[in-house]
Amino acid sequence: MDDRKLEVLRAIVEDYVATQEPVGSKAVAQRHSLGVSAATVRNDMAYLEEAGYIQQPHTSAGRIPTAKGYRLFVDRLGKIKPLSAAERRAVHRFLSEAIDLDDVVTRTVRLLAQLTHQVAVVQYPSLNRSSVRHLELVSLTPTRLMLVMITDTGRVEQRYVEVPAELTEDDVLDLRRLVNEQLQGKALADAPRIIDGLAGLARPELRATASALARVLLESVVARTEERVAVAGAANLTRNGNFFAGSLRPILEALEEEVVLMQLLGRADSNALLTVRIGDENEVADFREATVVTAGYGPGSVVGHMGVLGPTRMDYPGTIAAVRAVARYVSEILEQNR
């Protein structure tokens, strides 16, 4: 395909997204400086239609892009529309005011929905991709401890430990020192093997207590591996409802299923800066009339994904810029708090 036909396709996508109306050859020739007549544009549009990049919704109308057309548009996107300086400052200020990880995720998902006018989905940092920053043991009674595990991404897991014998303050200090020496900085994926050997490293009189502590630690890193997802902006779907051929109900119901949302985000390539899946490229059946834009985030390496879901008629340059920018800001915040 030559550059002029690509320019015609770009003009049709941009005009259709902006006006929500099918686009004719005369409008393309008048609105865009292509340097050719409406007749030439008409011939190029005939080629694009024959090749499956645009279609005619009804006989009297102009043309609209197909999923194949949107895909080519995204693949050949020359530049991403950056956030304005004011938007960047607002994003940075809004996210930097978060008080803890839950607040970071809540603010991020709301921000993405507001910036893109789409449904936003943010995965909490995955325990499977995190490492231990610190373990705290607090004595509640002589035979009961509170265990707090903090990961490098700021995720906090809290458990209670019933111990078989009364503990002194020095005993608690020894156990705290032991678990931190063995686990601090270690990847949670490697933690079960280390935890299995904790009791053997404790003083003989503390081994029974260390075994009880190890069992609870295992529950924290193994039993609590379920992933959490935050969603915002579902009302934006109803505003764009006329751009979905079928009912919105299956999409809205799918958005209530965390397993489906994890599938949606999990399809994103962890090594890619950003992934755009359009129409049938989405393996989740309920989302095959939609576009999903996702990005990984994390302090140095990817620990979770975020993204937006909306109709294929989407402001791709603006949406891609917003998802990429917010993912970068969240990564910076997590890095600063490691």
Protein backbone atom coordinates (compact mmCIF):
# COMPACT_ATOMS: atom_id res chain seq x y z
CA MET A 1 0.00 0.00 0.00
CA ASP A 2 1.43 3.40 -0.95
CA ASP A 3 1.73 6.35 1.42
CA ARG A 4 -1.23 8.22 -0.08
CA LYS A 5 -3.65 5.37 0.58
CA LEU A 6 -2.33 5.20 4.15
CA GLU A 7 -2.99 8.94 4.48
CA VAL A 8 -6.55 8.43 3.20
CA LEU A 9 -7.08 5.66 5.75
CA ARG A 10 -5.63 7.86 8.50
CA ALA A 11 -8.01 10.67 7.50
CA ILE A 12 -11.03 8.34 7.56
CA VAL A 13 -10.11 6.98 11.01
CA GLU A 14 -9.48 10.43 12.48
CA ASP A 15 -12.65 11.94 11.01
CA TYR A 16 -14.83 9.01 12.03
CA VAL A 17 -13.51 9.08 15.60
CA ALA A 18 -14.02 12.86 15.77
CA THR A 19 -17.43 13.15 14.09
CA GLN A 20 -18.97 9.70 14.74
CA GLU A 21 -20.26 9.87 11.14
CA PRO A 22 -19.27 7.83 8.06
CA VAL A 23 -16.68 9.69 5.98
CA GLY A 24 -16.99 10.50 2.26
CA SER A 25 -14.30 11.16 -0.34
CA LYS A 26 -15.26 14.83 -0.71
CA ALA A 27 -14.90 15.43 3.05
CA VAL A 28 -11.47 13.76 3.07
CA ALA A 29 -10.26 15.88 0.16
CA GLN A 30 -11.54 19.10 1.76
CA ARG A 31 -10.42 18.53 5.36
CA HIS A 32 -6.98 17.03 4.74
CA SER A 33 -4.12 18.41 2.69
CA LEU A 34 -3.54 15.36 0.52
CA GLY A 35 -2.85 17.31 -2.67
CA VAL A 36 -5.26 15.22 -4.76
CA SER A 37 -8.82 15.51 -6.04
CA ALA A 38 -11.93 13.95 -4.51
CA ALA A 39 -12.01 11.56 -7.47
CA THR A 40 -8.53 10.27 -6.65
CA VAL A 41 -9.52 9.91 -2.99
CA ARG A 42 -12.62 8.00 -4.14
CA ASN A 43 -10.41 5.56 -6.09
CA ASP A 44 -8.15 5.09 -3.05
CA MET A 45 -11.20 4.46 -0.86
CA ALA A 46 -12.42 1.84 -3.35
CA TYR A 47 -9.05 0.09 -2.99
CA LEU A 48 -9.20 0.30 0.81
CA GLU A 49 -12.73 -1.12 0.81
CA GLU A 50 -11.76 -3.95 -1.52
CA ALA A 51 -8.81 -4.77 0.76
CA GLY A 52 -11.07 -4.84 3.85
CA TYR A 53 -9.75 -1.74 5.63
CA ILE A 54 -12.99 0.28 5.39
CA GLN A 55 -16.64 -0.56 4.87
CA GLN A 56 -19.91 1.10 3.93
CA PRO A 57 -22.44 0.85 6.79
CA HIS A 58 -25.38 1.54 4.43
CA THR A 59 -25.77 2.44 0.78
CA SER A 60 -26.17 6.20 1.12
CA ALA A 61 -23.33 6.65 3.59
CA GLY A 62 -19.60 7.27 3.42
CA ARG A 63 -17.12 4.76 4.80
CA ILE A 64 -16.04 3.71 8.28
CA PRO A 65 -12.92 1.80 9.34
CA THR A 66 -13.01 -1.96 9.98
CA ALA A 67 -11.04 -3.68 12.74
CA LYS A 68 -8.42 -4.46 10.06
CA GLY A 69 -8.30 -0.76 9.19
CA TYR A 70 -7.85 0.27 12.82
CA ARG A 71 -5.06 -2.29 13.18
CA LEU A 72 -3.15 -0.86 10.21
CA PHE A 73 -3.75 2.67 11.52
CA VAL A 74 -2.28 1.73 14.93
CA ASP A 75 0.65 -0.19 13.42
CA ARG A 76 1.55 2.77 11.19
CA LEU A 77 0.93 5.42 13.81
CA GLY A 78 3.65 7.99 13.16
CA LYS A 79 3.37 9.78 16.48
CA ILE A 80 1.52 9.44 19.76
CA LYS A 81 -0.44 12.48 20.90
CA PRO A 82 1.37 13.38 24.14
CA LEU A 83 -0.35 14.64 27.25
CA SER A 84 -0.24 18.39 27.60
CA ALA A 85 2.08 19.92 30.18
CA ALA A 86 -0.95 20.75 32.35
CA GLU A 87 -2.21 17.16 32.08
CA ARG A 88 1.21 15.76 33.01
CA ARG A 89 1.41 18.02 36.07
CA ALA A 90 -2.11 17.06 37.13
CA VAL A 91 -1.41 13.34 36.70
CA HIS A 92 1.84 13.54 38.67
CA ARG A 93 0.28 15.57 41.48
CA PHE A 94 -2.81 13.35 41.72
CA LEU A 95 -0.82 10.11 41.87
CA SER A 96 1.95 11.44 44.14
CA GLU A 97 -0.64 12.31 46.81
CA ALA A 98 -1.51 8.62 47.29
CA ILE A 99 -0.94 7.45 50.86
CA ASP A 100 -0.49 3.70 50.25
CA LEU A 101 -0.66 1.03 47.54
CA ASP A 102 -4.45 0.71 47.67
CA ASP A 103 -4.72 4.46 47.19
CA VAL A 104 -2.25 4.35 44.27
CA VAL A 105 -4.35 1.70 42.49
CA THR A 106 -7.66 3.47 43.24
CA ARG A 107 -6.35 6.79 41.99
CA THR A 108 -4.77 5.18 38.91
CA VAL A 109 -7.93 3.42 37.75
CA ARG A 110 -10.05 6.56 38.24
CA LEU A 111 -7.48 8.68 36.43
CA LEU A 112 -7.29 6.34 33.43
CA ALA A 113 -11.08 6.31 33.09
CA GLN A 114 -11.21 10.12 33.24
CA LEU A 115 -8.36 10.67 30.77
CA THR A 116 -9.56 8.17 28.14
CA HIS A 117 -13.35 8.21 28.69
CA GLN A 118 -13.22 4.40 28.57
CA VAL A 119 -13.45 1.56 31.09
CA ALA A 120 -10.18 1.37 33.04
CA VAL A 121 -8.74 -1.77 34.63
CA VAL A 122 -5.71 -1.90 36.93
CA GLN A 123 -4.15 -5.07 38.33
CA TYR A 124 -2.67 -4.80 41.82
CA PRO A 125 1.03 -5.68 41.85
CA SER A 126 1.25 -9.44 41.56
CA LEU A 127 2.69 -11.25 44.56
CA ASN A 128 4.23 -13.74 42.14
CA ARG A 129 6.34 -10.94 40.63
CA SER A 130 7.22 -9.20 43.90
CA SER A 131 9.95 -9.62 46.48
CA VAL A 132 10.02 -9.20 50.26
CA ARG A 133 10.99 -5.75 51.47
CA HIS A 134 10.46 -6.34 55.19
CA LEU A 135 8.81 -8.67 57.68
CA GLU A 136 7.56 -7.35 60.99
CA LEU A 137 6.59 -9.41 64.06
CA VAL A 138 4.54 -7.75 66.78
CA SER A 139 3.79 -9.45 70.10
CA LEU A 140 0.08 -9.15 70.92
CA THR A 141 0.06 -11.58 73.86
CA PRO A 142 2.76 -14.00 75.10
CA THR A 143 1.32 -16.69 72.77
CA ARG A 144 0.04 -14.59 69.86
CA LEU A 145 1.95 -12.64 67.21
CA MET A 146 0.96 -10.40 64.35
CA LEU A 147 2.99 -10.99 61.18
CA VAL A 148 3.17 -8.17 58.61
CA MET A 149 4.82 -8.78 55.24
CA ILE A 150 5.61 -5.76 53.04
CA THR A 151 6.64 -6.33 49.42
CA ASP A 152 8.87 -4.15 47.26
CA THR A 153 5.75 -2.88 45.47
CA GLY A 154 4.14 -1.70 48.70
CA ARG A 155 1.65 -4.55 49.01
CA VAL A 156 0.99 -5.45 52.65
CA GLU A 157 -0.11 -8.87 53.92
CA GLN A 158 -1.10 -9.23 57.58
CA ARG A 159 -1.60 -12.50 59.49
CA TYR A 160 -1.92 -13.69 63.09
CA VAL A 161 0.25 -16.46 64.51
CA GLU A 162 -0.74 -18.64 67.48
CA VAL A 163 2.46 -20.00 69.04
CA PRO A 164 2.81 -23.14 71.20
CA ALA A 165 4.80 -21.51 74.03
CA GLU A 166 5.04 -18.14 75.70
CA LEU A 167 7.57 -15.79 74.11
CA THR A 168 9.77 -13.16 75.69
CA GLU A 169 10.59 -9.87 74.00
CA ASP A 170 14.04 -11.26 73.13
CA ASP A 171 12.42 -14.33 71.53
CA VAL A 172 10.32 -12.11 69.27
CA LEU A 173 13.41 -10.07 68.32
CA ASP A 174 15.31 -13.28 67.45
CA LEU A 175 12.46 -14.55 65.26
CA ARG A 176 12.11 -11.18 63.54
CA ARG A 177 15.85 -11.11 62.83
CA LEU A 178 15.77 -14.70 61.52
CA VAL A 179 12.90 -14.21 59.06
CA ASN A 180 14.34 -10.95 57.74
CA GLU A 181 17.84 -12.38 57.32
CA GLN A 182 16.43 -15.27 55.31
CA LEU A 183 13.69 -13.56 53.29
CA GLN A 184 14.44 -9.85 52.93
CA GLY A 185 15.06 -9.01 49.27
CA LYS A 186 14.08 -12.51 48.10
CA ALA A 187 11.55 -13.05 45.33
CA LEU A 188 8.24 -14.38 46.64
CA ALA A 189 8.42 -17.11 43.99
CA ASP A 190 11.51 -18.44 45.84
CA ALA A 191 10.11 -17.90 49.34
CA PRO A 192 8.44 -21.31 49.94
CA ARG A 193 11.77 -23.16 49.63
CA ILE A 194 13.41 -20.74 52.10
CA ILE A 195 10.48 -20.84 54.53
CA ASP A 196 10.65 -24.64 54.66
CA GLY A 197 14.09 -24.38 56.23
CA LEU A 198 13.33 -21.66 58.79
CA ALA A 199 12.61 -23.92 61.77
CA GLY A 200 15.97 -25.68 61.41
CA LEU A 201 17.77 -22.32 61.65
CA ALA A 202 16.07 -21.24 64.89
CA ARG A 203 17.38 -21.83 68.39
CA PRO A 204 16.29 -25.30 69.65
CA GLU A 205 13.85 -23.82 72.17
CA LEU A 206 12.23 -21.69 69.43
CA ARG A 207 11.91 -24.34 66.72
CA ALA A 208 8.29 -25.23 67.49
CA THR A 209 7.38 -21.54 67.38
CA ALA A 210 9.41 -21.05 64.17
CA SER A 211 7.47 -23.95 62.61
CA ALA A 212 4.16 -22.27 63.47
CA LEU A 213 5.47 -19.00 62.04
CA ALA A 214 6.65 -20.77 58.88
CA ARG A 215 3.19 -22.26 58.30
CA VAL A 216 1.58 -18.81 58.44
CA LEU A 217 4.29 -17.34 56.20
CA LEU A 218 3.59 -20.03 53.63
CA GLU A 219 -0.10 -19.13 53.73
CA SER A 220 0.84 -15.51 53.06
CA VAL A 221 2.98 -16.23 50.00
CA VAL A 222 1.15 -19.28 48.63
CA ALA A 223 -2.50 -19.18 49.71
CA ARG A 224 -2.79 -15.42 49.05
CA THR A 225 -1.64 -15.56 45.44
CA GLU A 226 -5.04 -14.56 44.09
CA GLU A 227 -4.78 -11.46 41.95
CA ARG A 228 -6.80 -8.35 42.62
CA VAL A 229 -8.16 -5.98 40.00
CA ALA A 230 -9.72 -2.52 40.22
CA VAL A 231 -12.24 -1.26 37.64
CA ALA A 232 -13.63 2.23 36.97
CA GLY A 233 -15.59 3.99 34.26
CA ALA A 234 -18.09 1.27 33.35
CA ALA A 235 -20.63 4.07 32.72
CA ASN A 236 -18.42 5.19 29.81
CA LEU A 237 -19.48 2.04 27.96
CA THR A 238 -23.10 3.11 27.92
CA ARG A 239 -22.13 6.46 26.43
CA ASN A 240 -20.40 4.58 23.61
CA GLY A 241 -23.06 1.86 23.42
CA ASN A 242 -24.13 2.68 19.87
CA PHE A 243 -20.66 1.74 18.63
CA PHE A 244 -21.11 -1.89 19.69
CA ALA A 245 -23.08 -4.01 17.24
CA GLY A 246 -24.61 -6.23 19.92
CA SER A 247 -25.83 -5.84 23.47
CA LEU A 248 -23.56 -4.30 26.09
CA ARG A 249 -24.80 -6.74 28.71
CA PRO A 250 -22.20 -9.50 28.06
CA ILE A 251 -19.38 -6.95 28.26
CA LEU A 252 -20.73 -5.41 31.48
CA GLU A 253 -21.18 -8.86 33.03
CA ALA A 254 -17.66 -9.89 31.99
CA LEU A 255 -16.26 -6.77 33.68
CA GLU A 256 -17.66 -8.05 36.98
CA GLU A 257 -15.62 -11.27 36.76
CA GLU A 258 -12.08 -10.88 38.11
CA VAL A 259 -10.97 -14.07 36.37
CA VAL A 260 -12.02 -12.60 33.01
CA LEU A 261 -10.31 -9.29 33.80
CA MET A 262 -7.09 -11.12 34.67
CA GLN A 263 -7.33 -12.94 31.34
CA LEU A 264 -7.78 -9.59 29.66
CA LEU A 265 -4.72 -8.05 31.32
CA GLY A 266 -2.74 -11.27 31.32
CA ARG A 267 -2.78 -11.40 27.54
CA ALA A 268 -0.58 -8.32 27.46
CA ASP A 269 3.03 -9.13 26.58
CA SER A 270 5.04 -8.48 29.75
CA ASN A 271 8.05 -7.47 27.66
CA ALA A 272 6.14 -4.97 25.53
CA LEU A 273 5.88 -1.29 26.42
CA LEU A 274 2.28 -1.34 25.28
CA THR A 275 -0.19 -3.77 23.68
CA VAL A 276 -3.24 -2.90 21.57
CA ARG A 277 -5.75 -5.66 20.79
CA ILE A 278 -8.56 -4.83 18.38
CA GLY A 279 -11.78 -6.79 17.81
CA ASP A 280 -11.16 -10.49 17.18
CA GLU A 281 -7.58 -10.16 18.45
CA ASN A 282 -9.13 -10.29 21.94
CA GLU A 283 -9.25 -13.91 23.05
CA VAL A 284 -11.99 -13.16 25.60
CA ALA A 285 -15.13 -13.77 23.50
CA ASP A 286 -17.18 -11.01 25.14
CA PHE A 287 -14.60 -8.39 24.16
CA ARG A 288 -14.37 -9.17 20.44
CA GLU A 289 -16.22 -6.01 19.50
CA ALA A 290 -13.89 -3.93 21.64
CA THR A 291 -10.37 -2.58 21.72
CA VAL A 292 -8.13 -3.21 24.71
CA VAL A 293 -5.02 -1.07 25.31
CA THR A 294 -2.72 -2.35 28.08
CA ALA A 295 0.69 -1.54 29.52
CA GLY A 296 2.88 -3.14 32.15
CA TYR A 297 4.14 -1.22 35.15
CA GLY A 298 6.54 -1.80 38.00
CA PRO A 299 9.71 -0.65 39.76
CA GLY A 300 12.33 -1.78 37.28
CA SER A 301 10.43 -4.85 36.10
CA VAL A 302 6.77 -5.50 35.37
CA VAL A 303 4.72 -6.44 38.46
CA GLY A 304 1.26 -5.75 37.06
CA HIS A 305 -0.72 -4.42 34.12
CA MET A 306 -3.20 -1.63 33.55
CA GLY A 307 -5.32 -0.70 30.59
CA VAL A 308 -8.58 0.49 29.11
CA LEU A 309 -11.40 -1.14 27.18
CA GLY A 310 -13.68 0.63 24.74
CA PRO A 311 -15.20 0.46 21.27
CA THR A 312 -12.94 -0.03 18.26
CA ARG A 313 -13.92 3.56 17.35
CA MET A 314 -11.40 4.99 19.78
CA ASP A 315 -9.00 7.92 19.90
CA TYR A 316 -5.99 5.62 19.56
CA PRO A 317 -3.20 8.24 19.75
CA GLY A 318 -4.72 9.87 22.84
CA THR A 319 -5.60 6.60 24.56
CA ILE A 320 -2.17 5.06 23.94
CA ALA A 321 -0.47 8.20 25.26
CA ALA A 322 -2.62 8.23 28.42
CA VAL A 323 -2.09 4.54 29.25
CA ARG A 324 1.64 4.78 28.60
CA ALA A 325 2.06 7.97 30.65
CA VAL A 326 0.06 6.74 33.66
CA ALA A 327 1.94 3.40 33.65
CA ARG A 328 5.23 5.30 33.66
CA TYR A 329 4.17 7.57 36.56
CA VAL A 330 2.97 4.61 38.65
CA SER A 331 6.26 2.80 37.96
CA GLU A 332 8.17 5.86 39.18
CA ILE A 333 6.09 6.05 42.37
CA LEU A 334 6.71 2.37 43.15
CA GLU A 335 10.42 2.82 42.44
CA GLN A 336 10.65 5.78 44.83
CA ASN A 337 8.97 3.80 47.61
CA ARG A 338 11.01 0.60 47.33
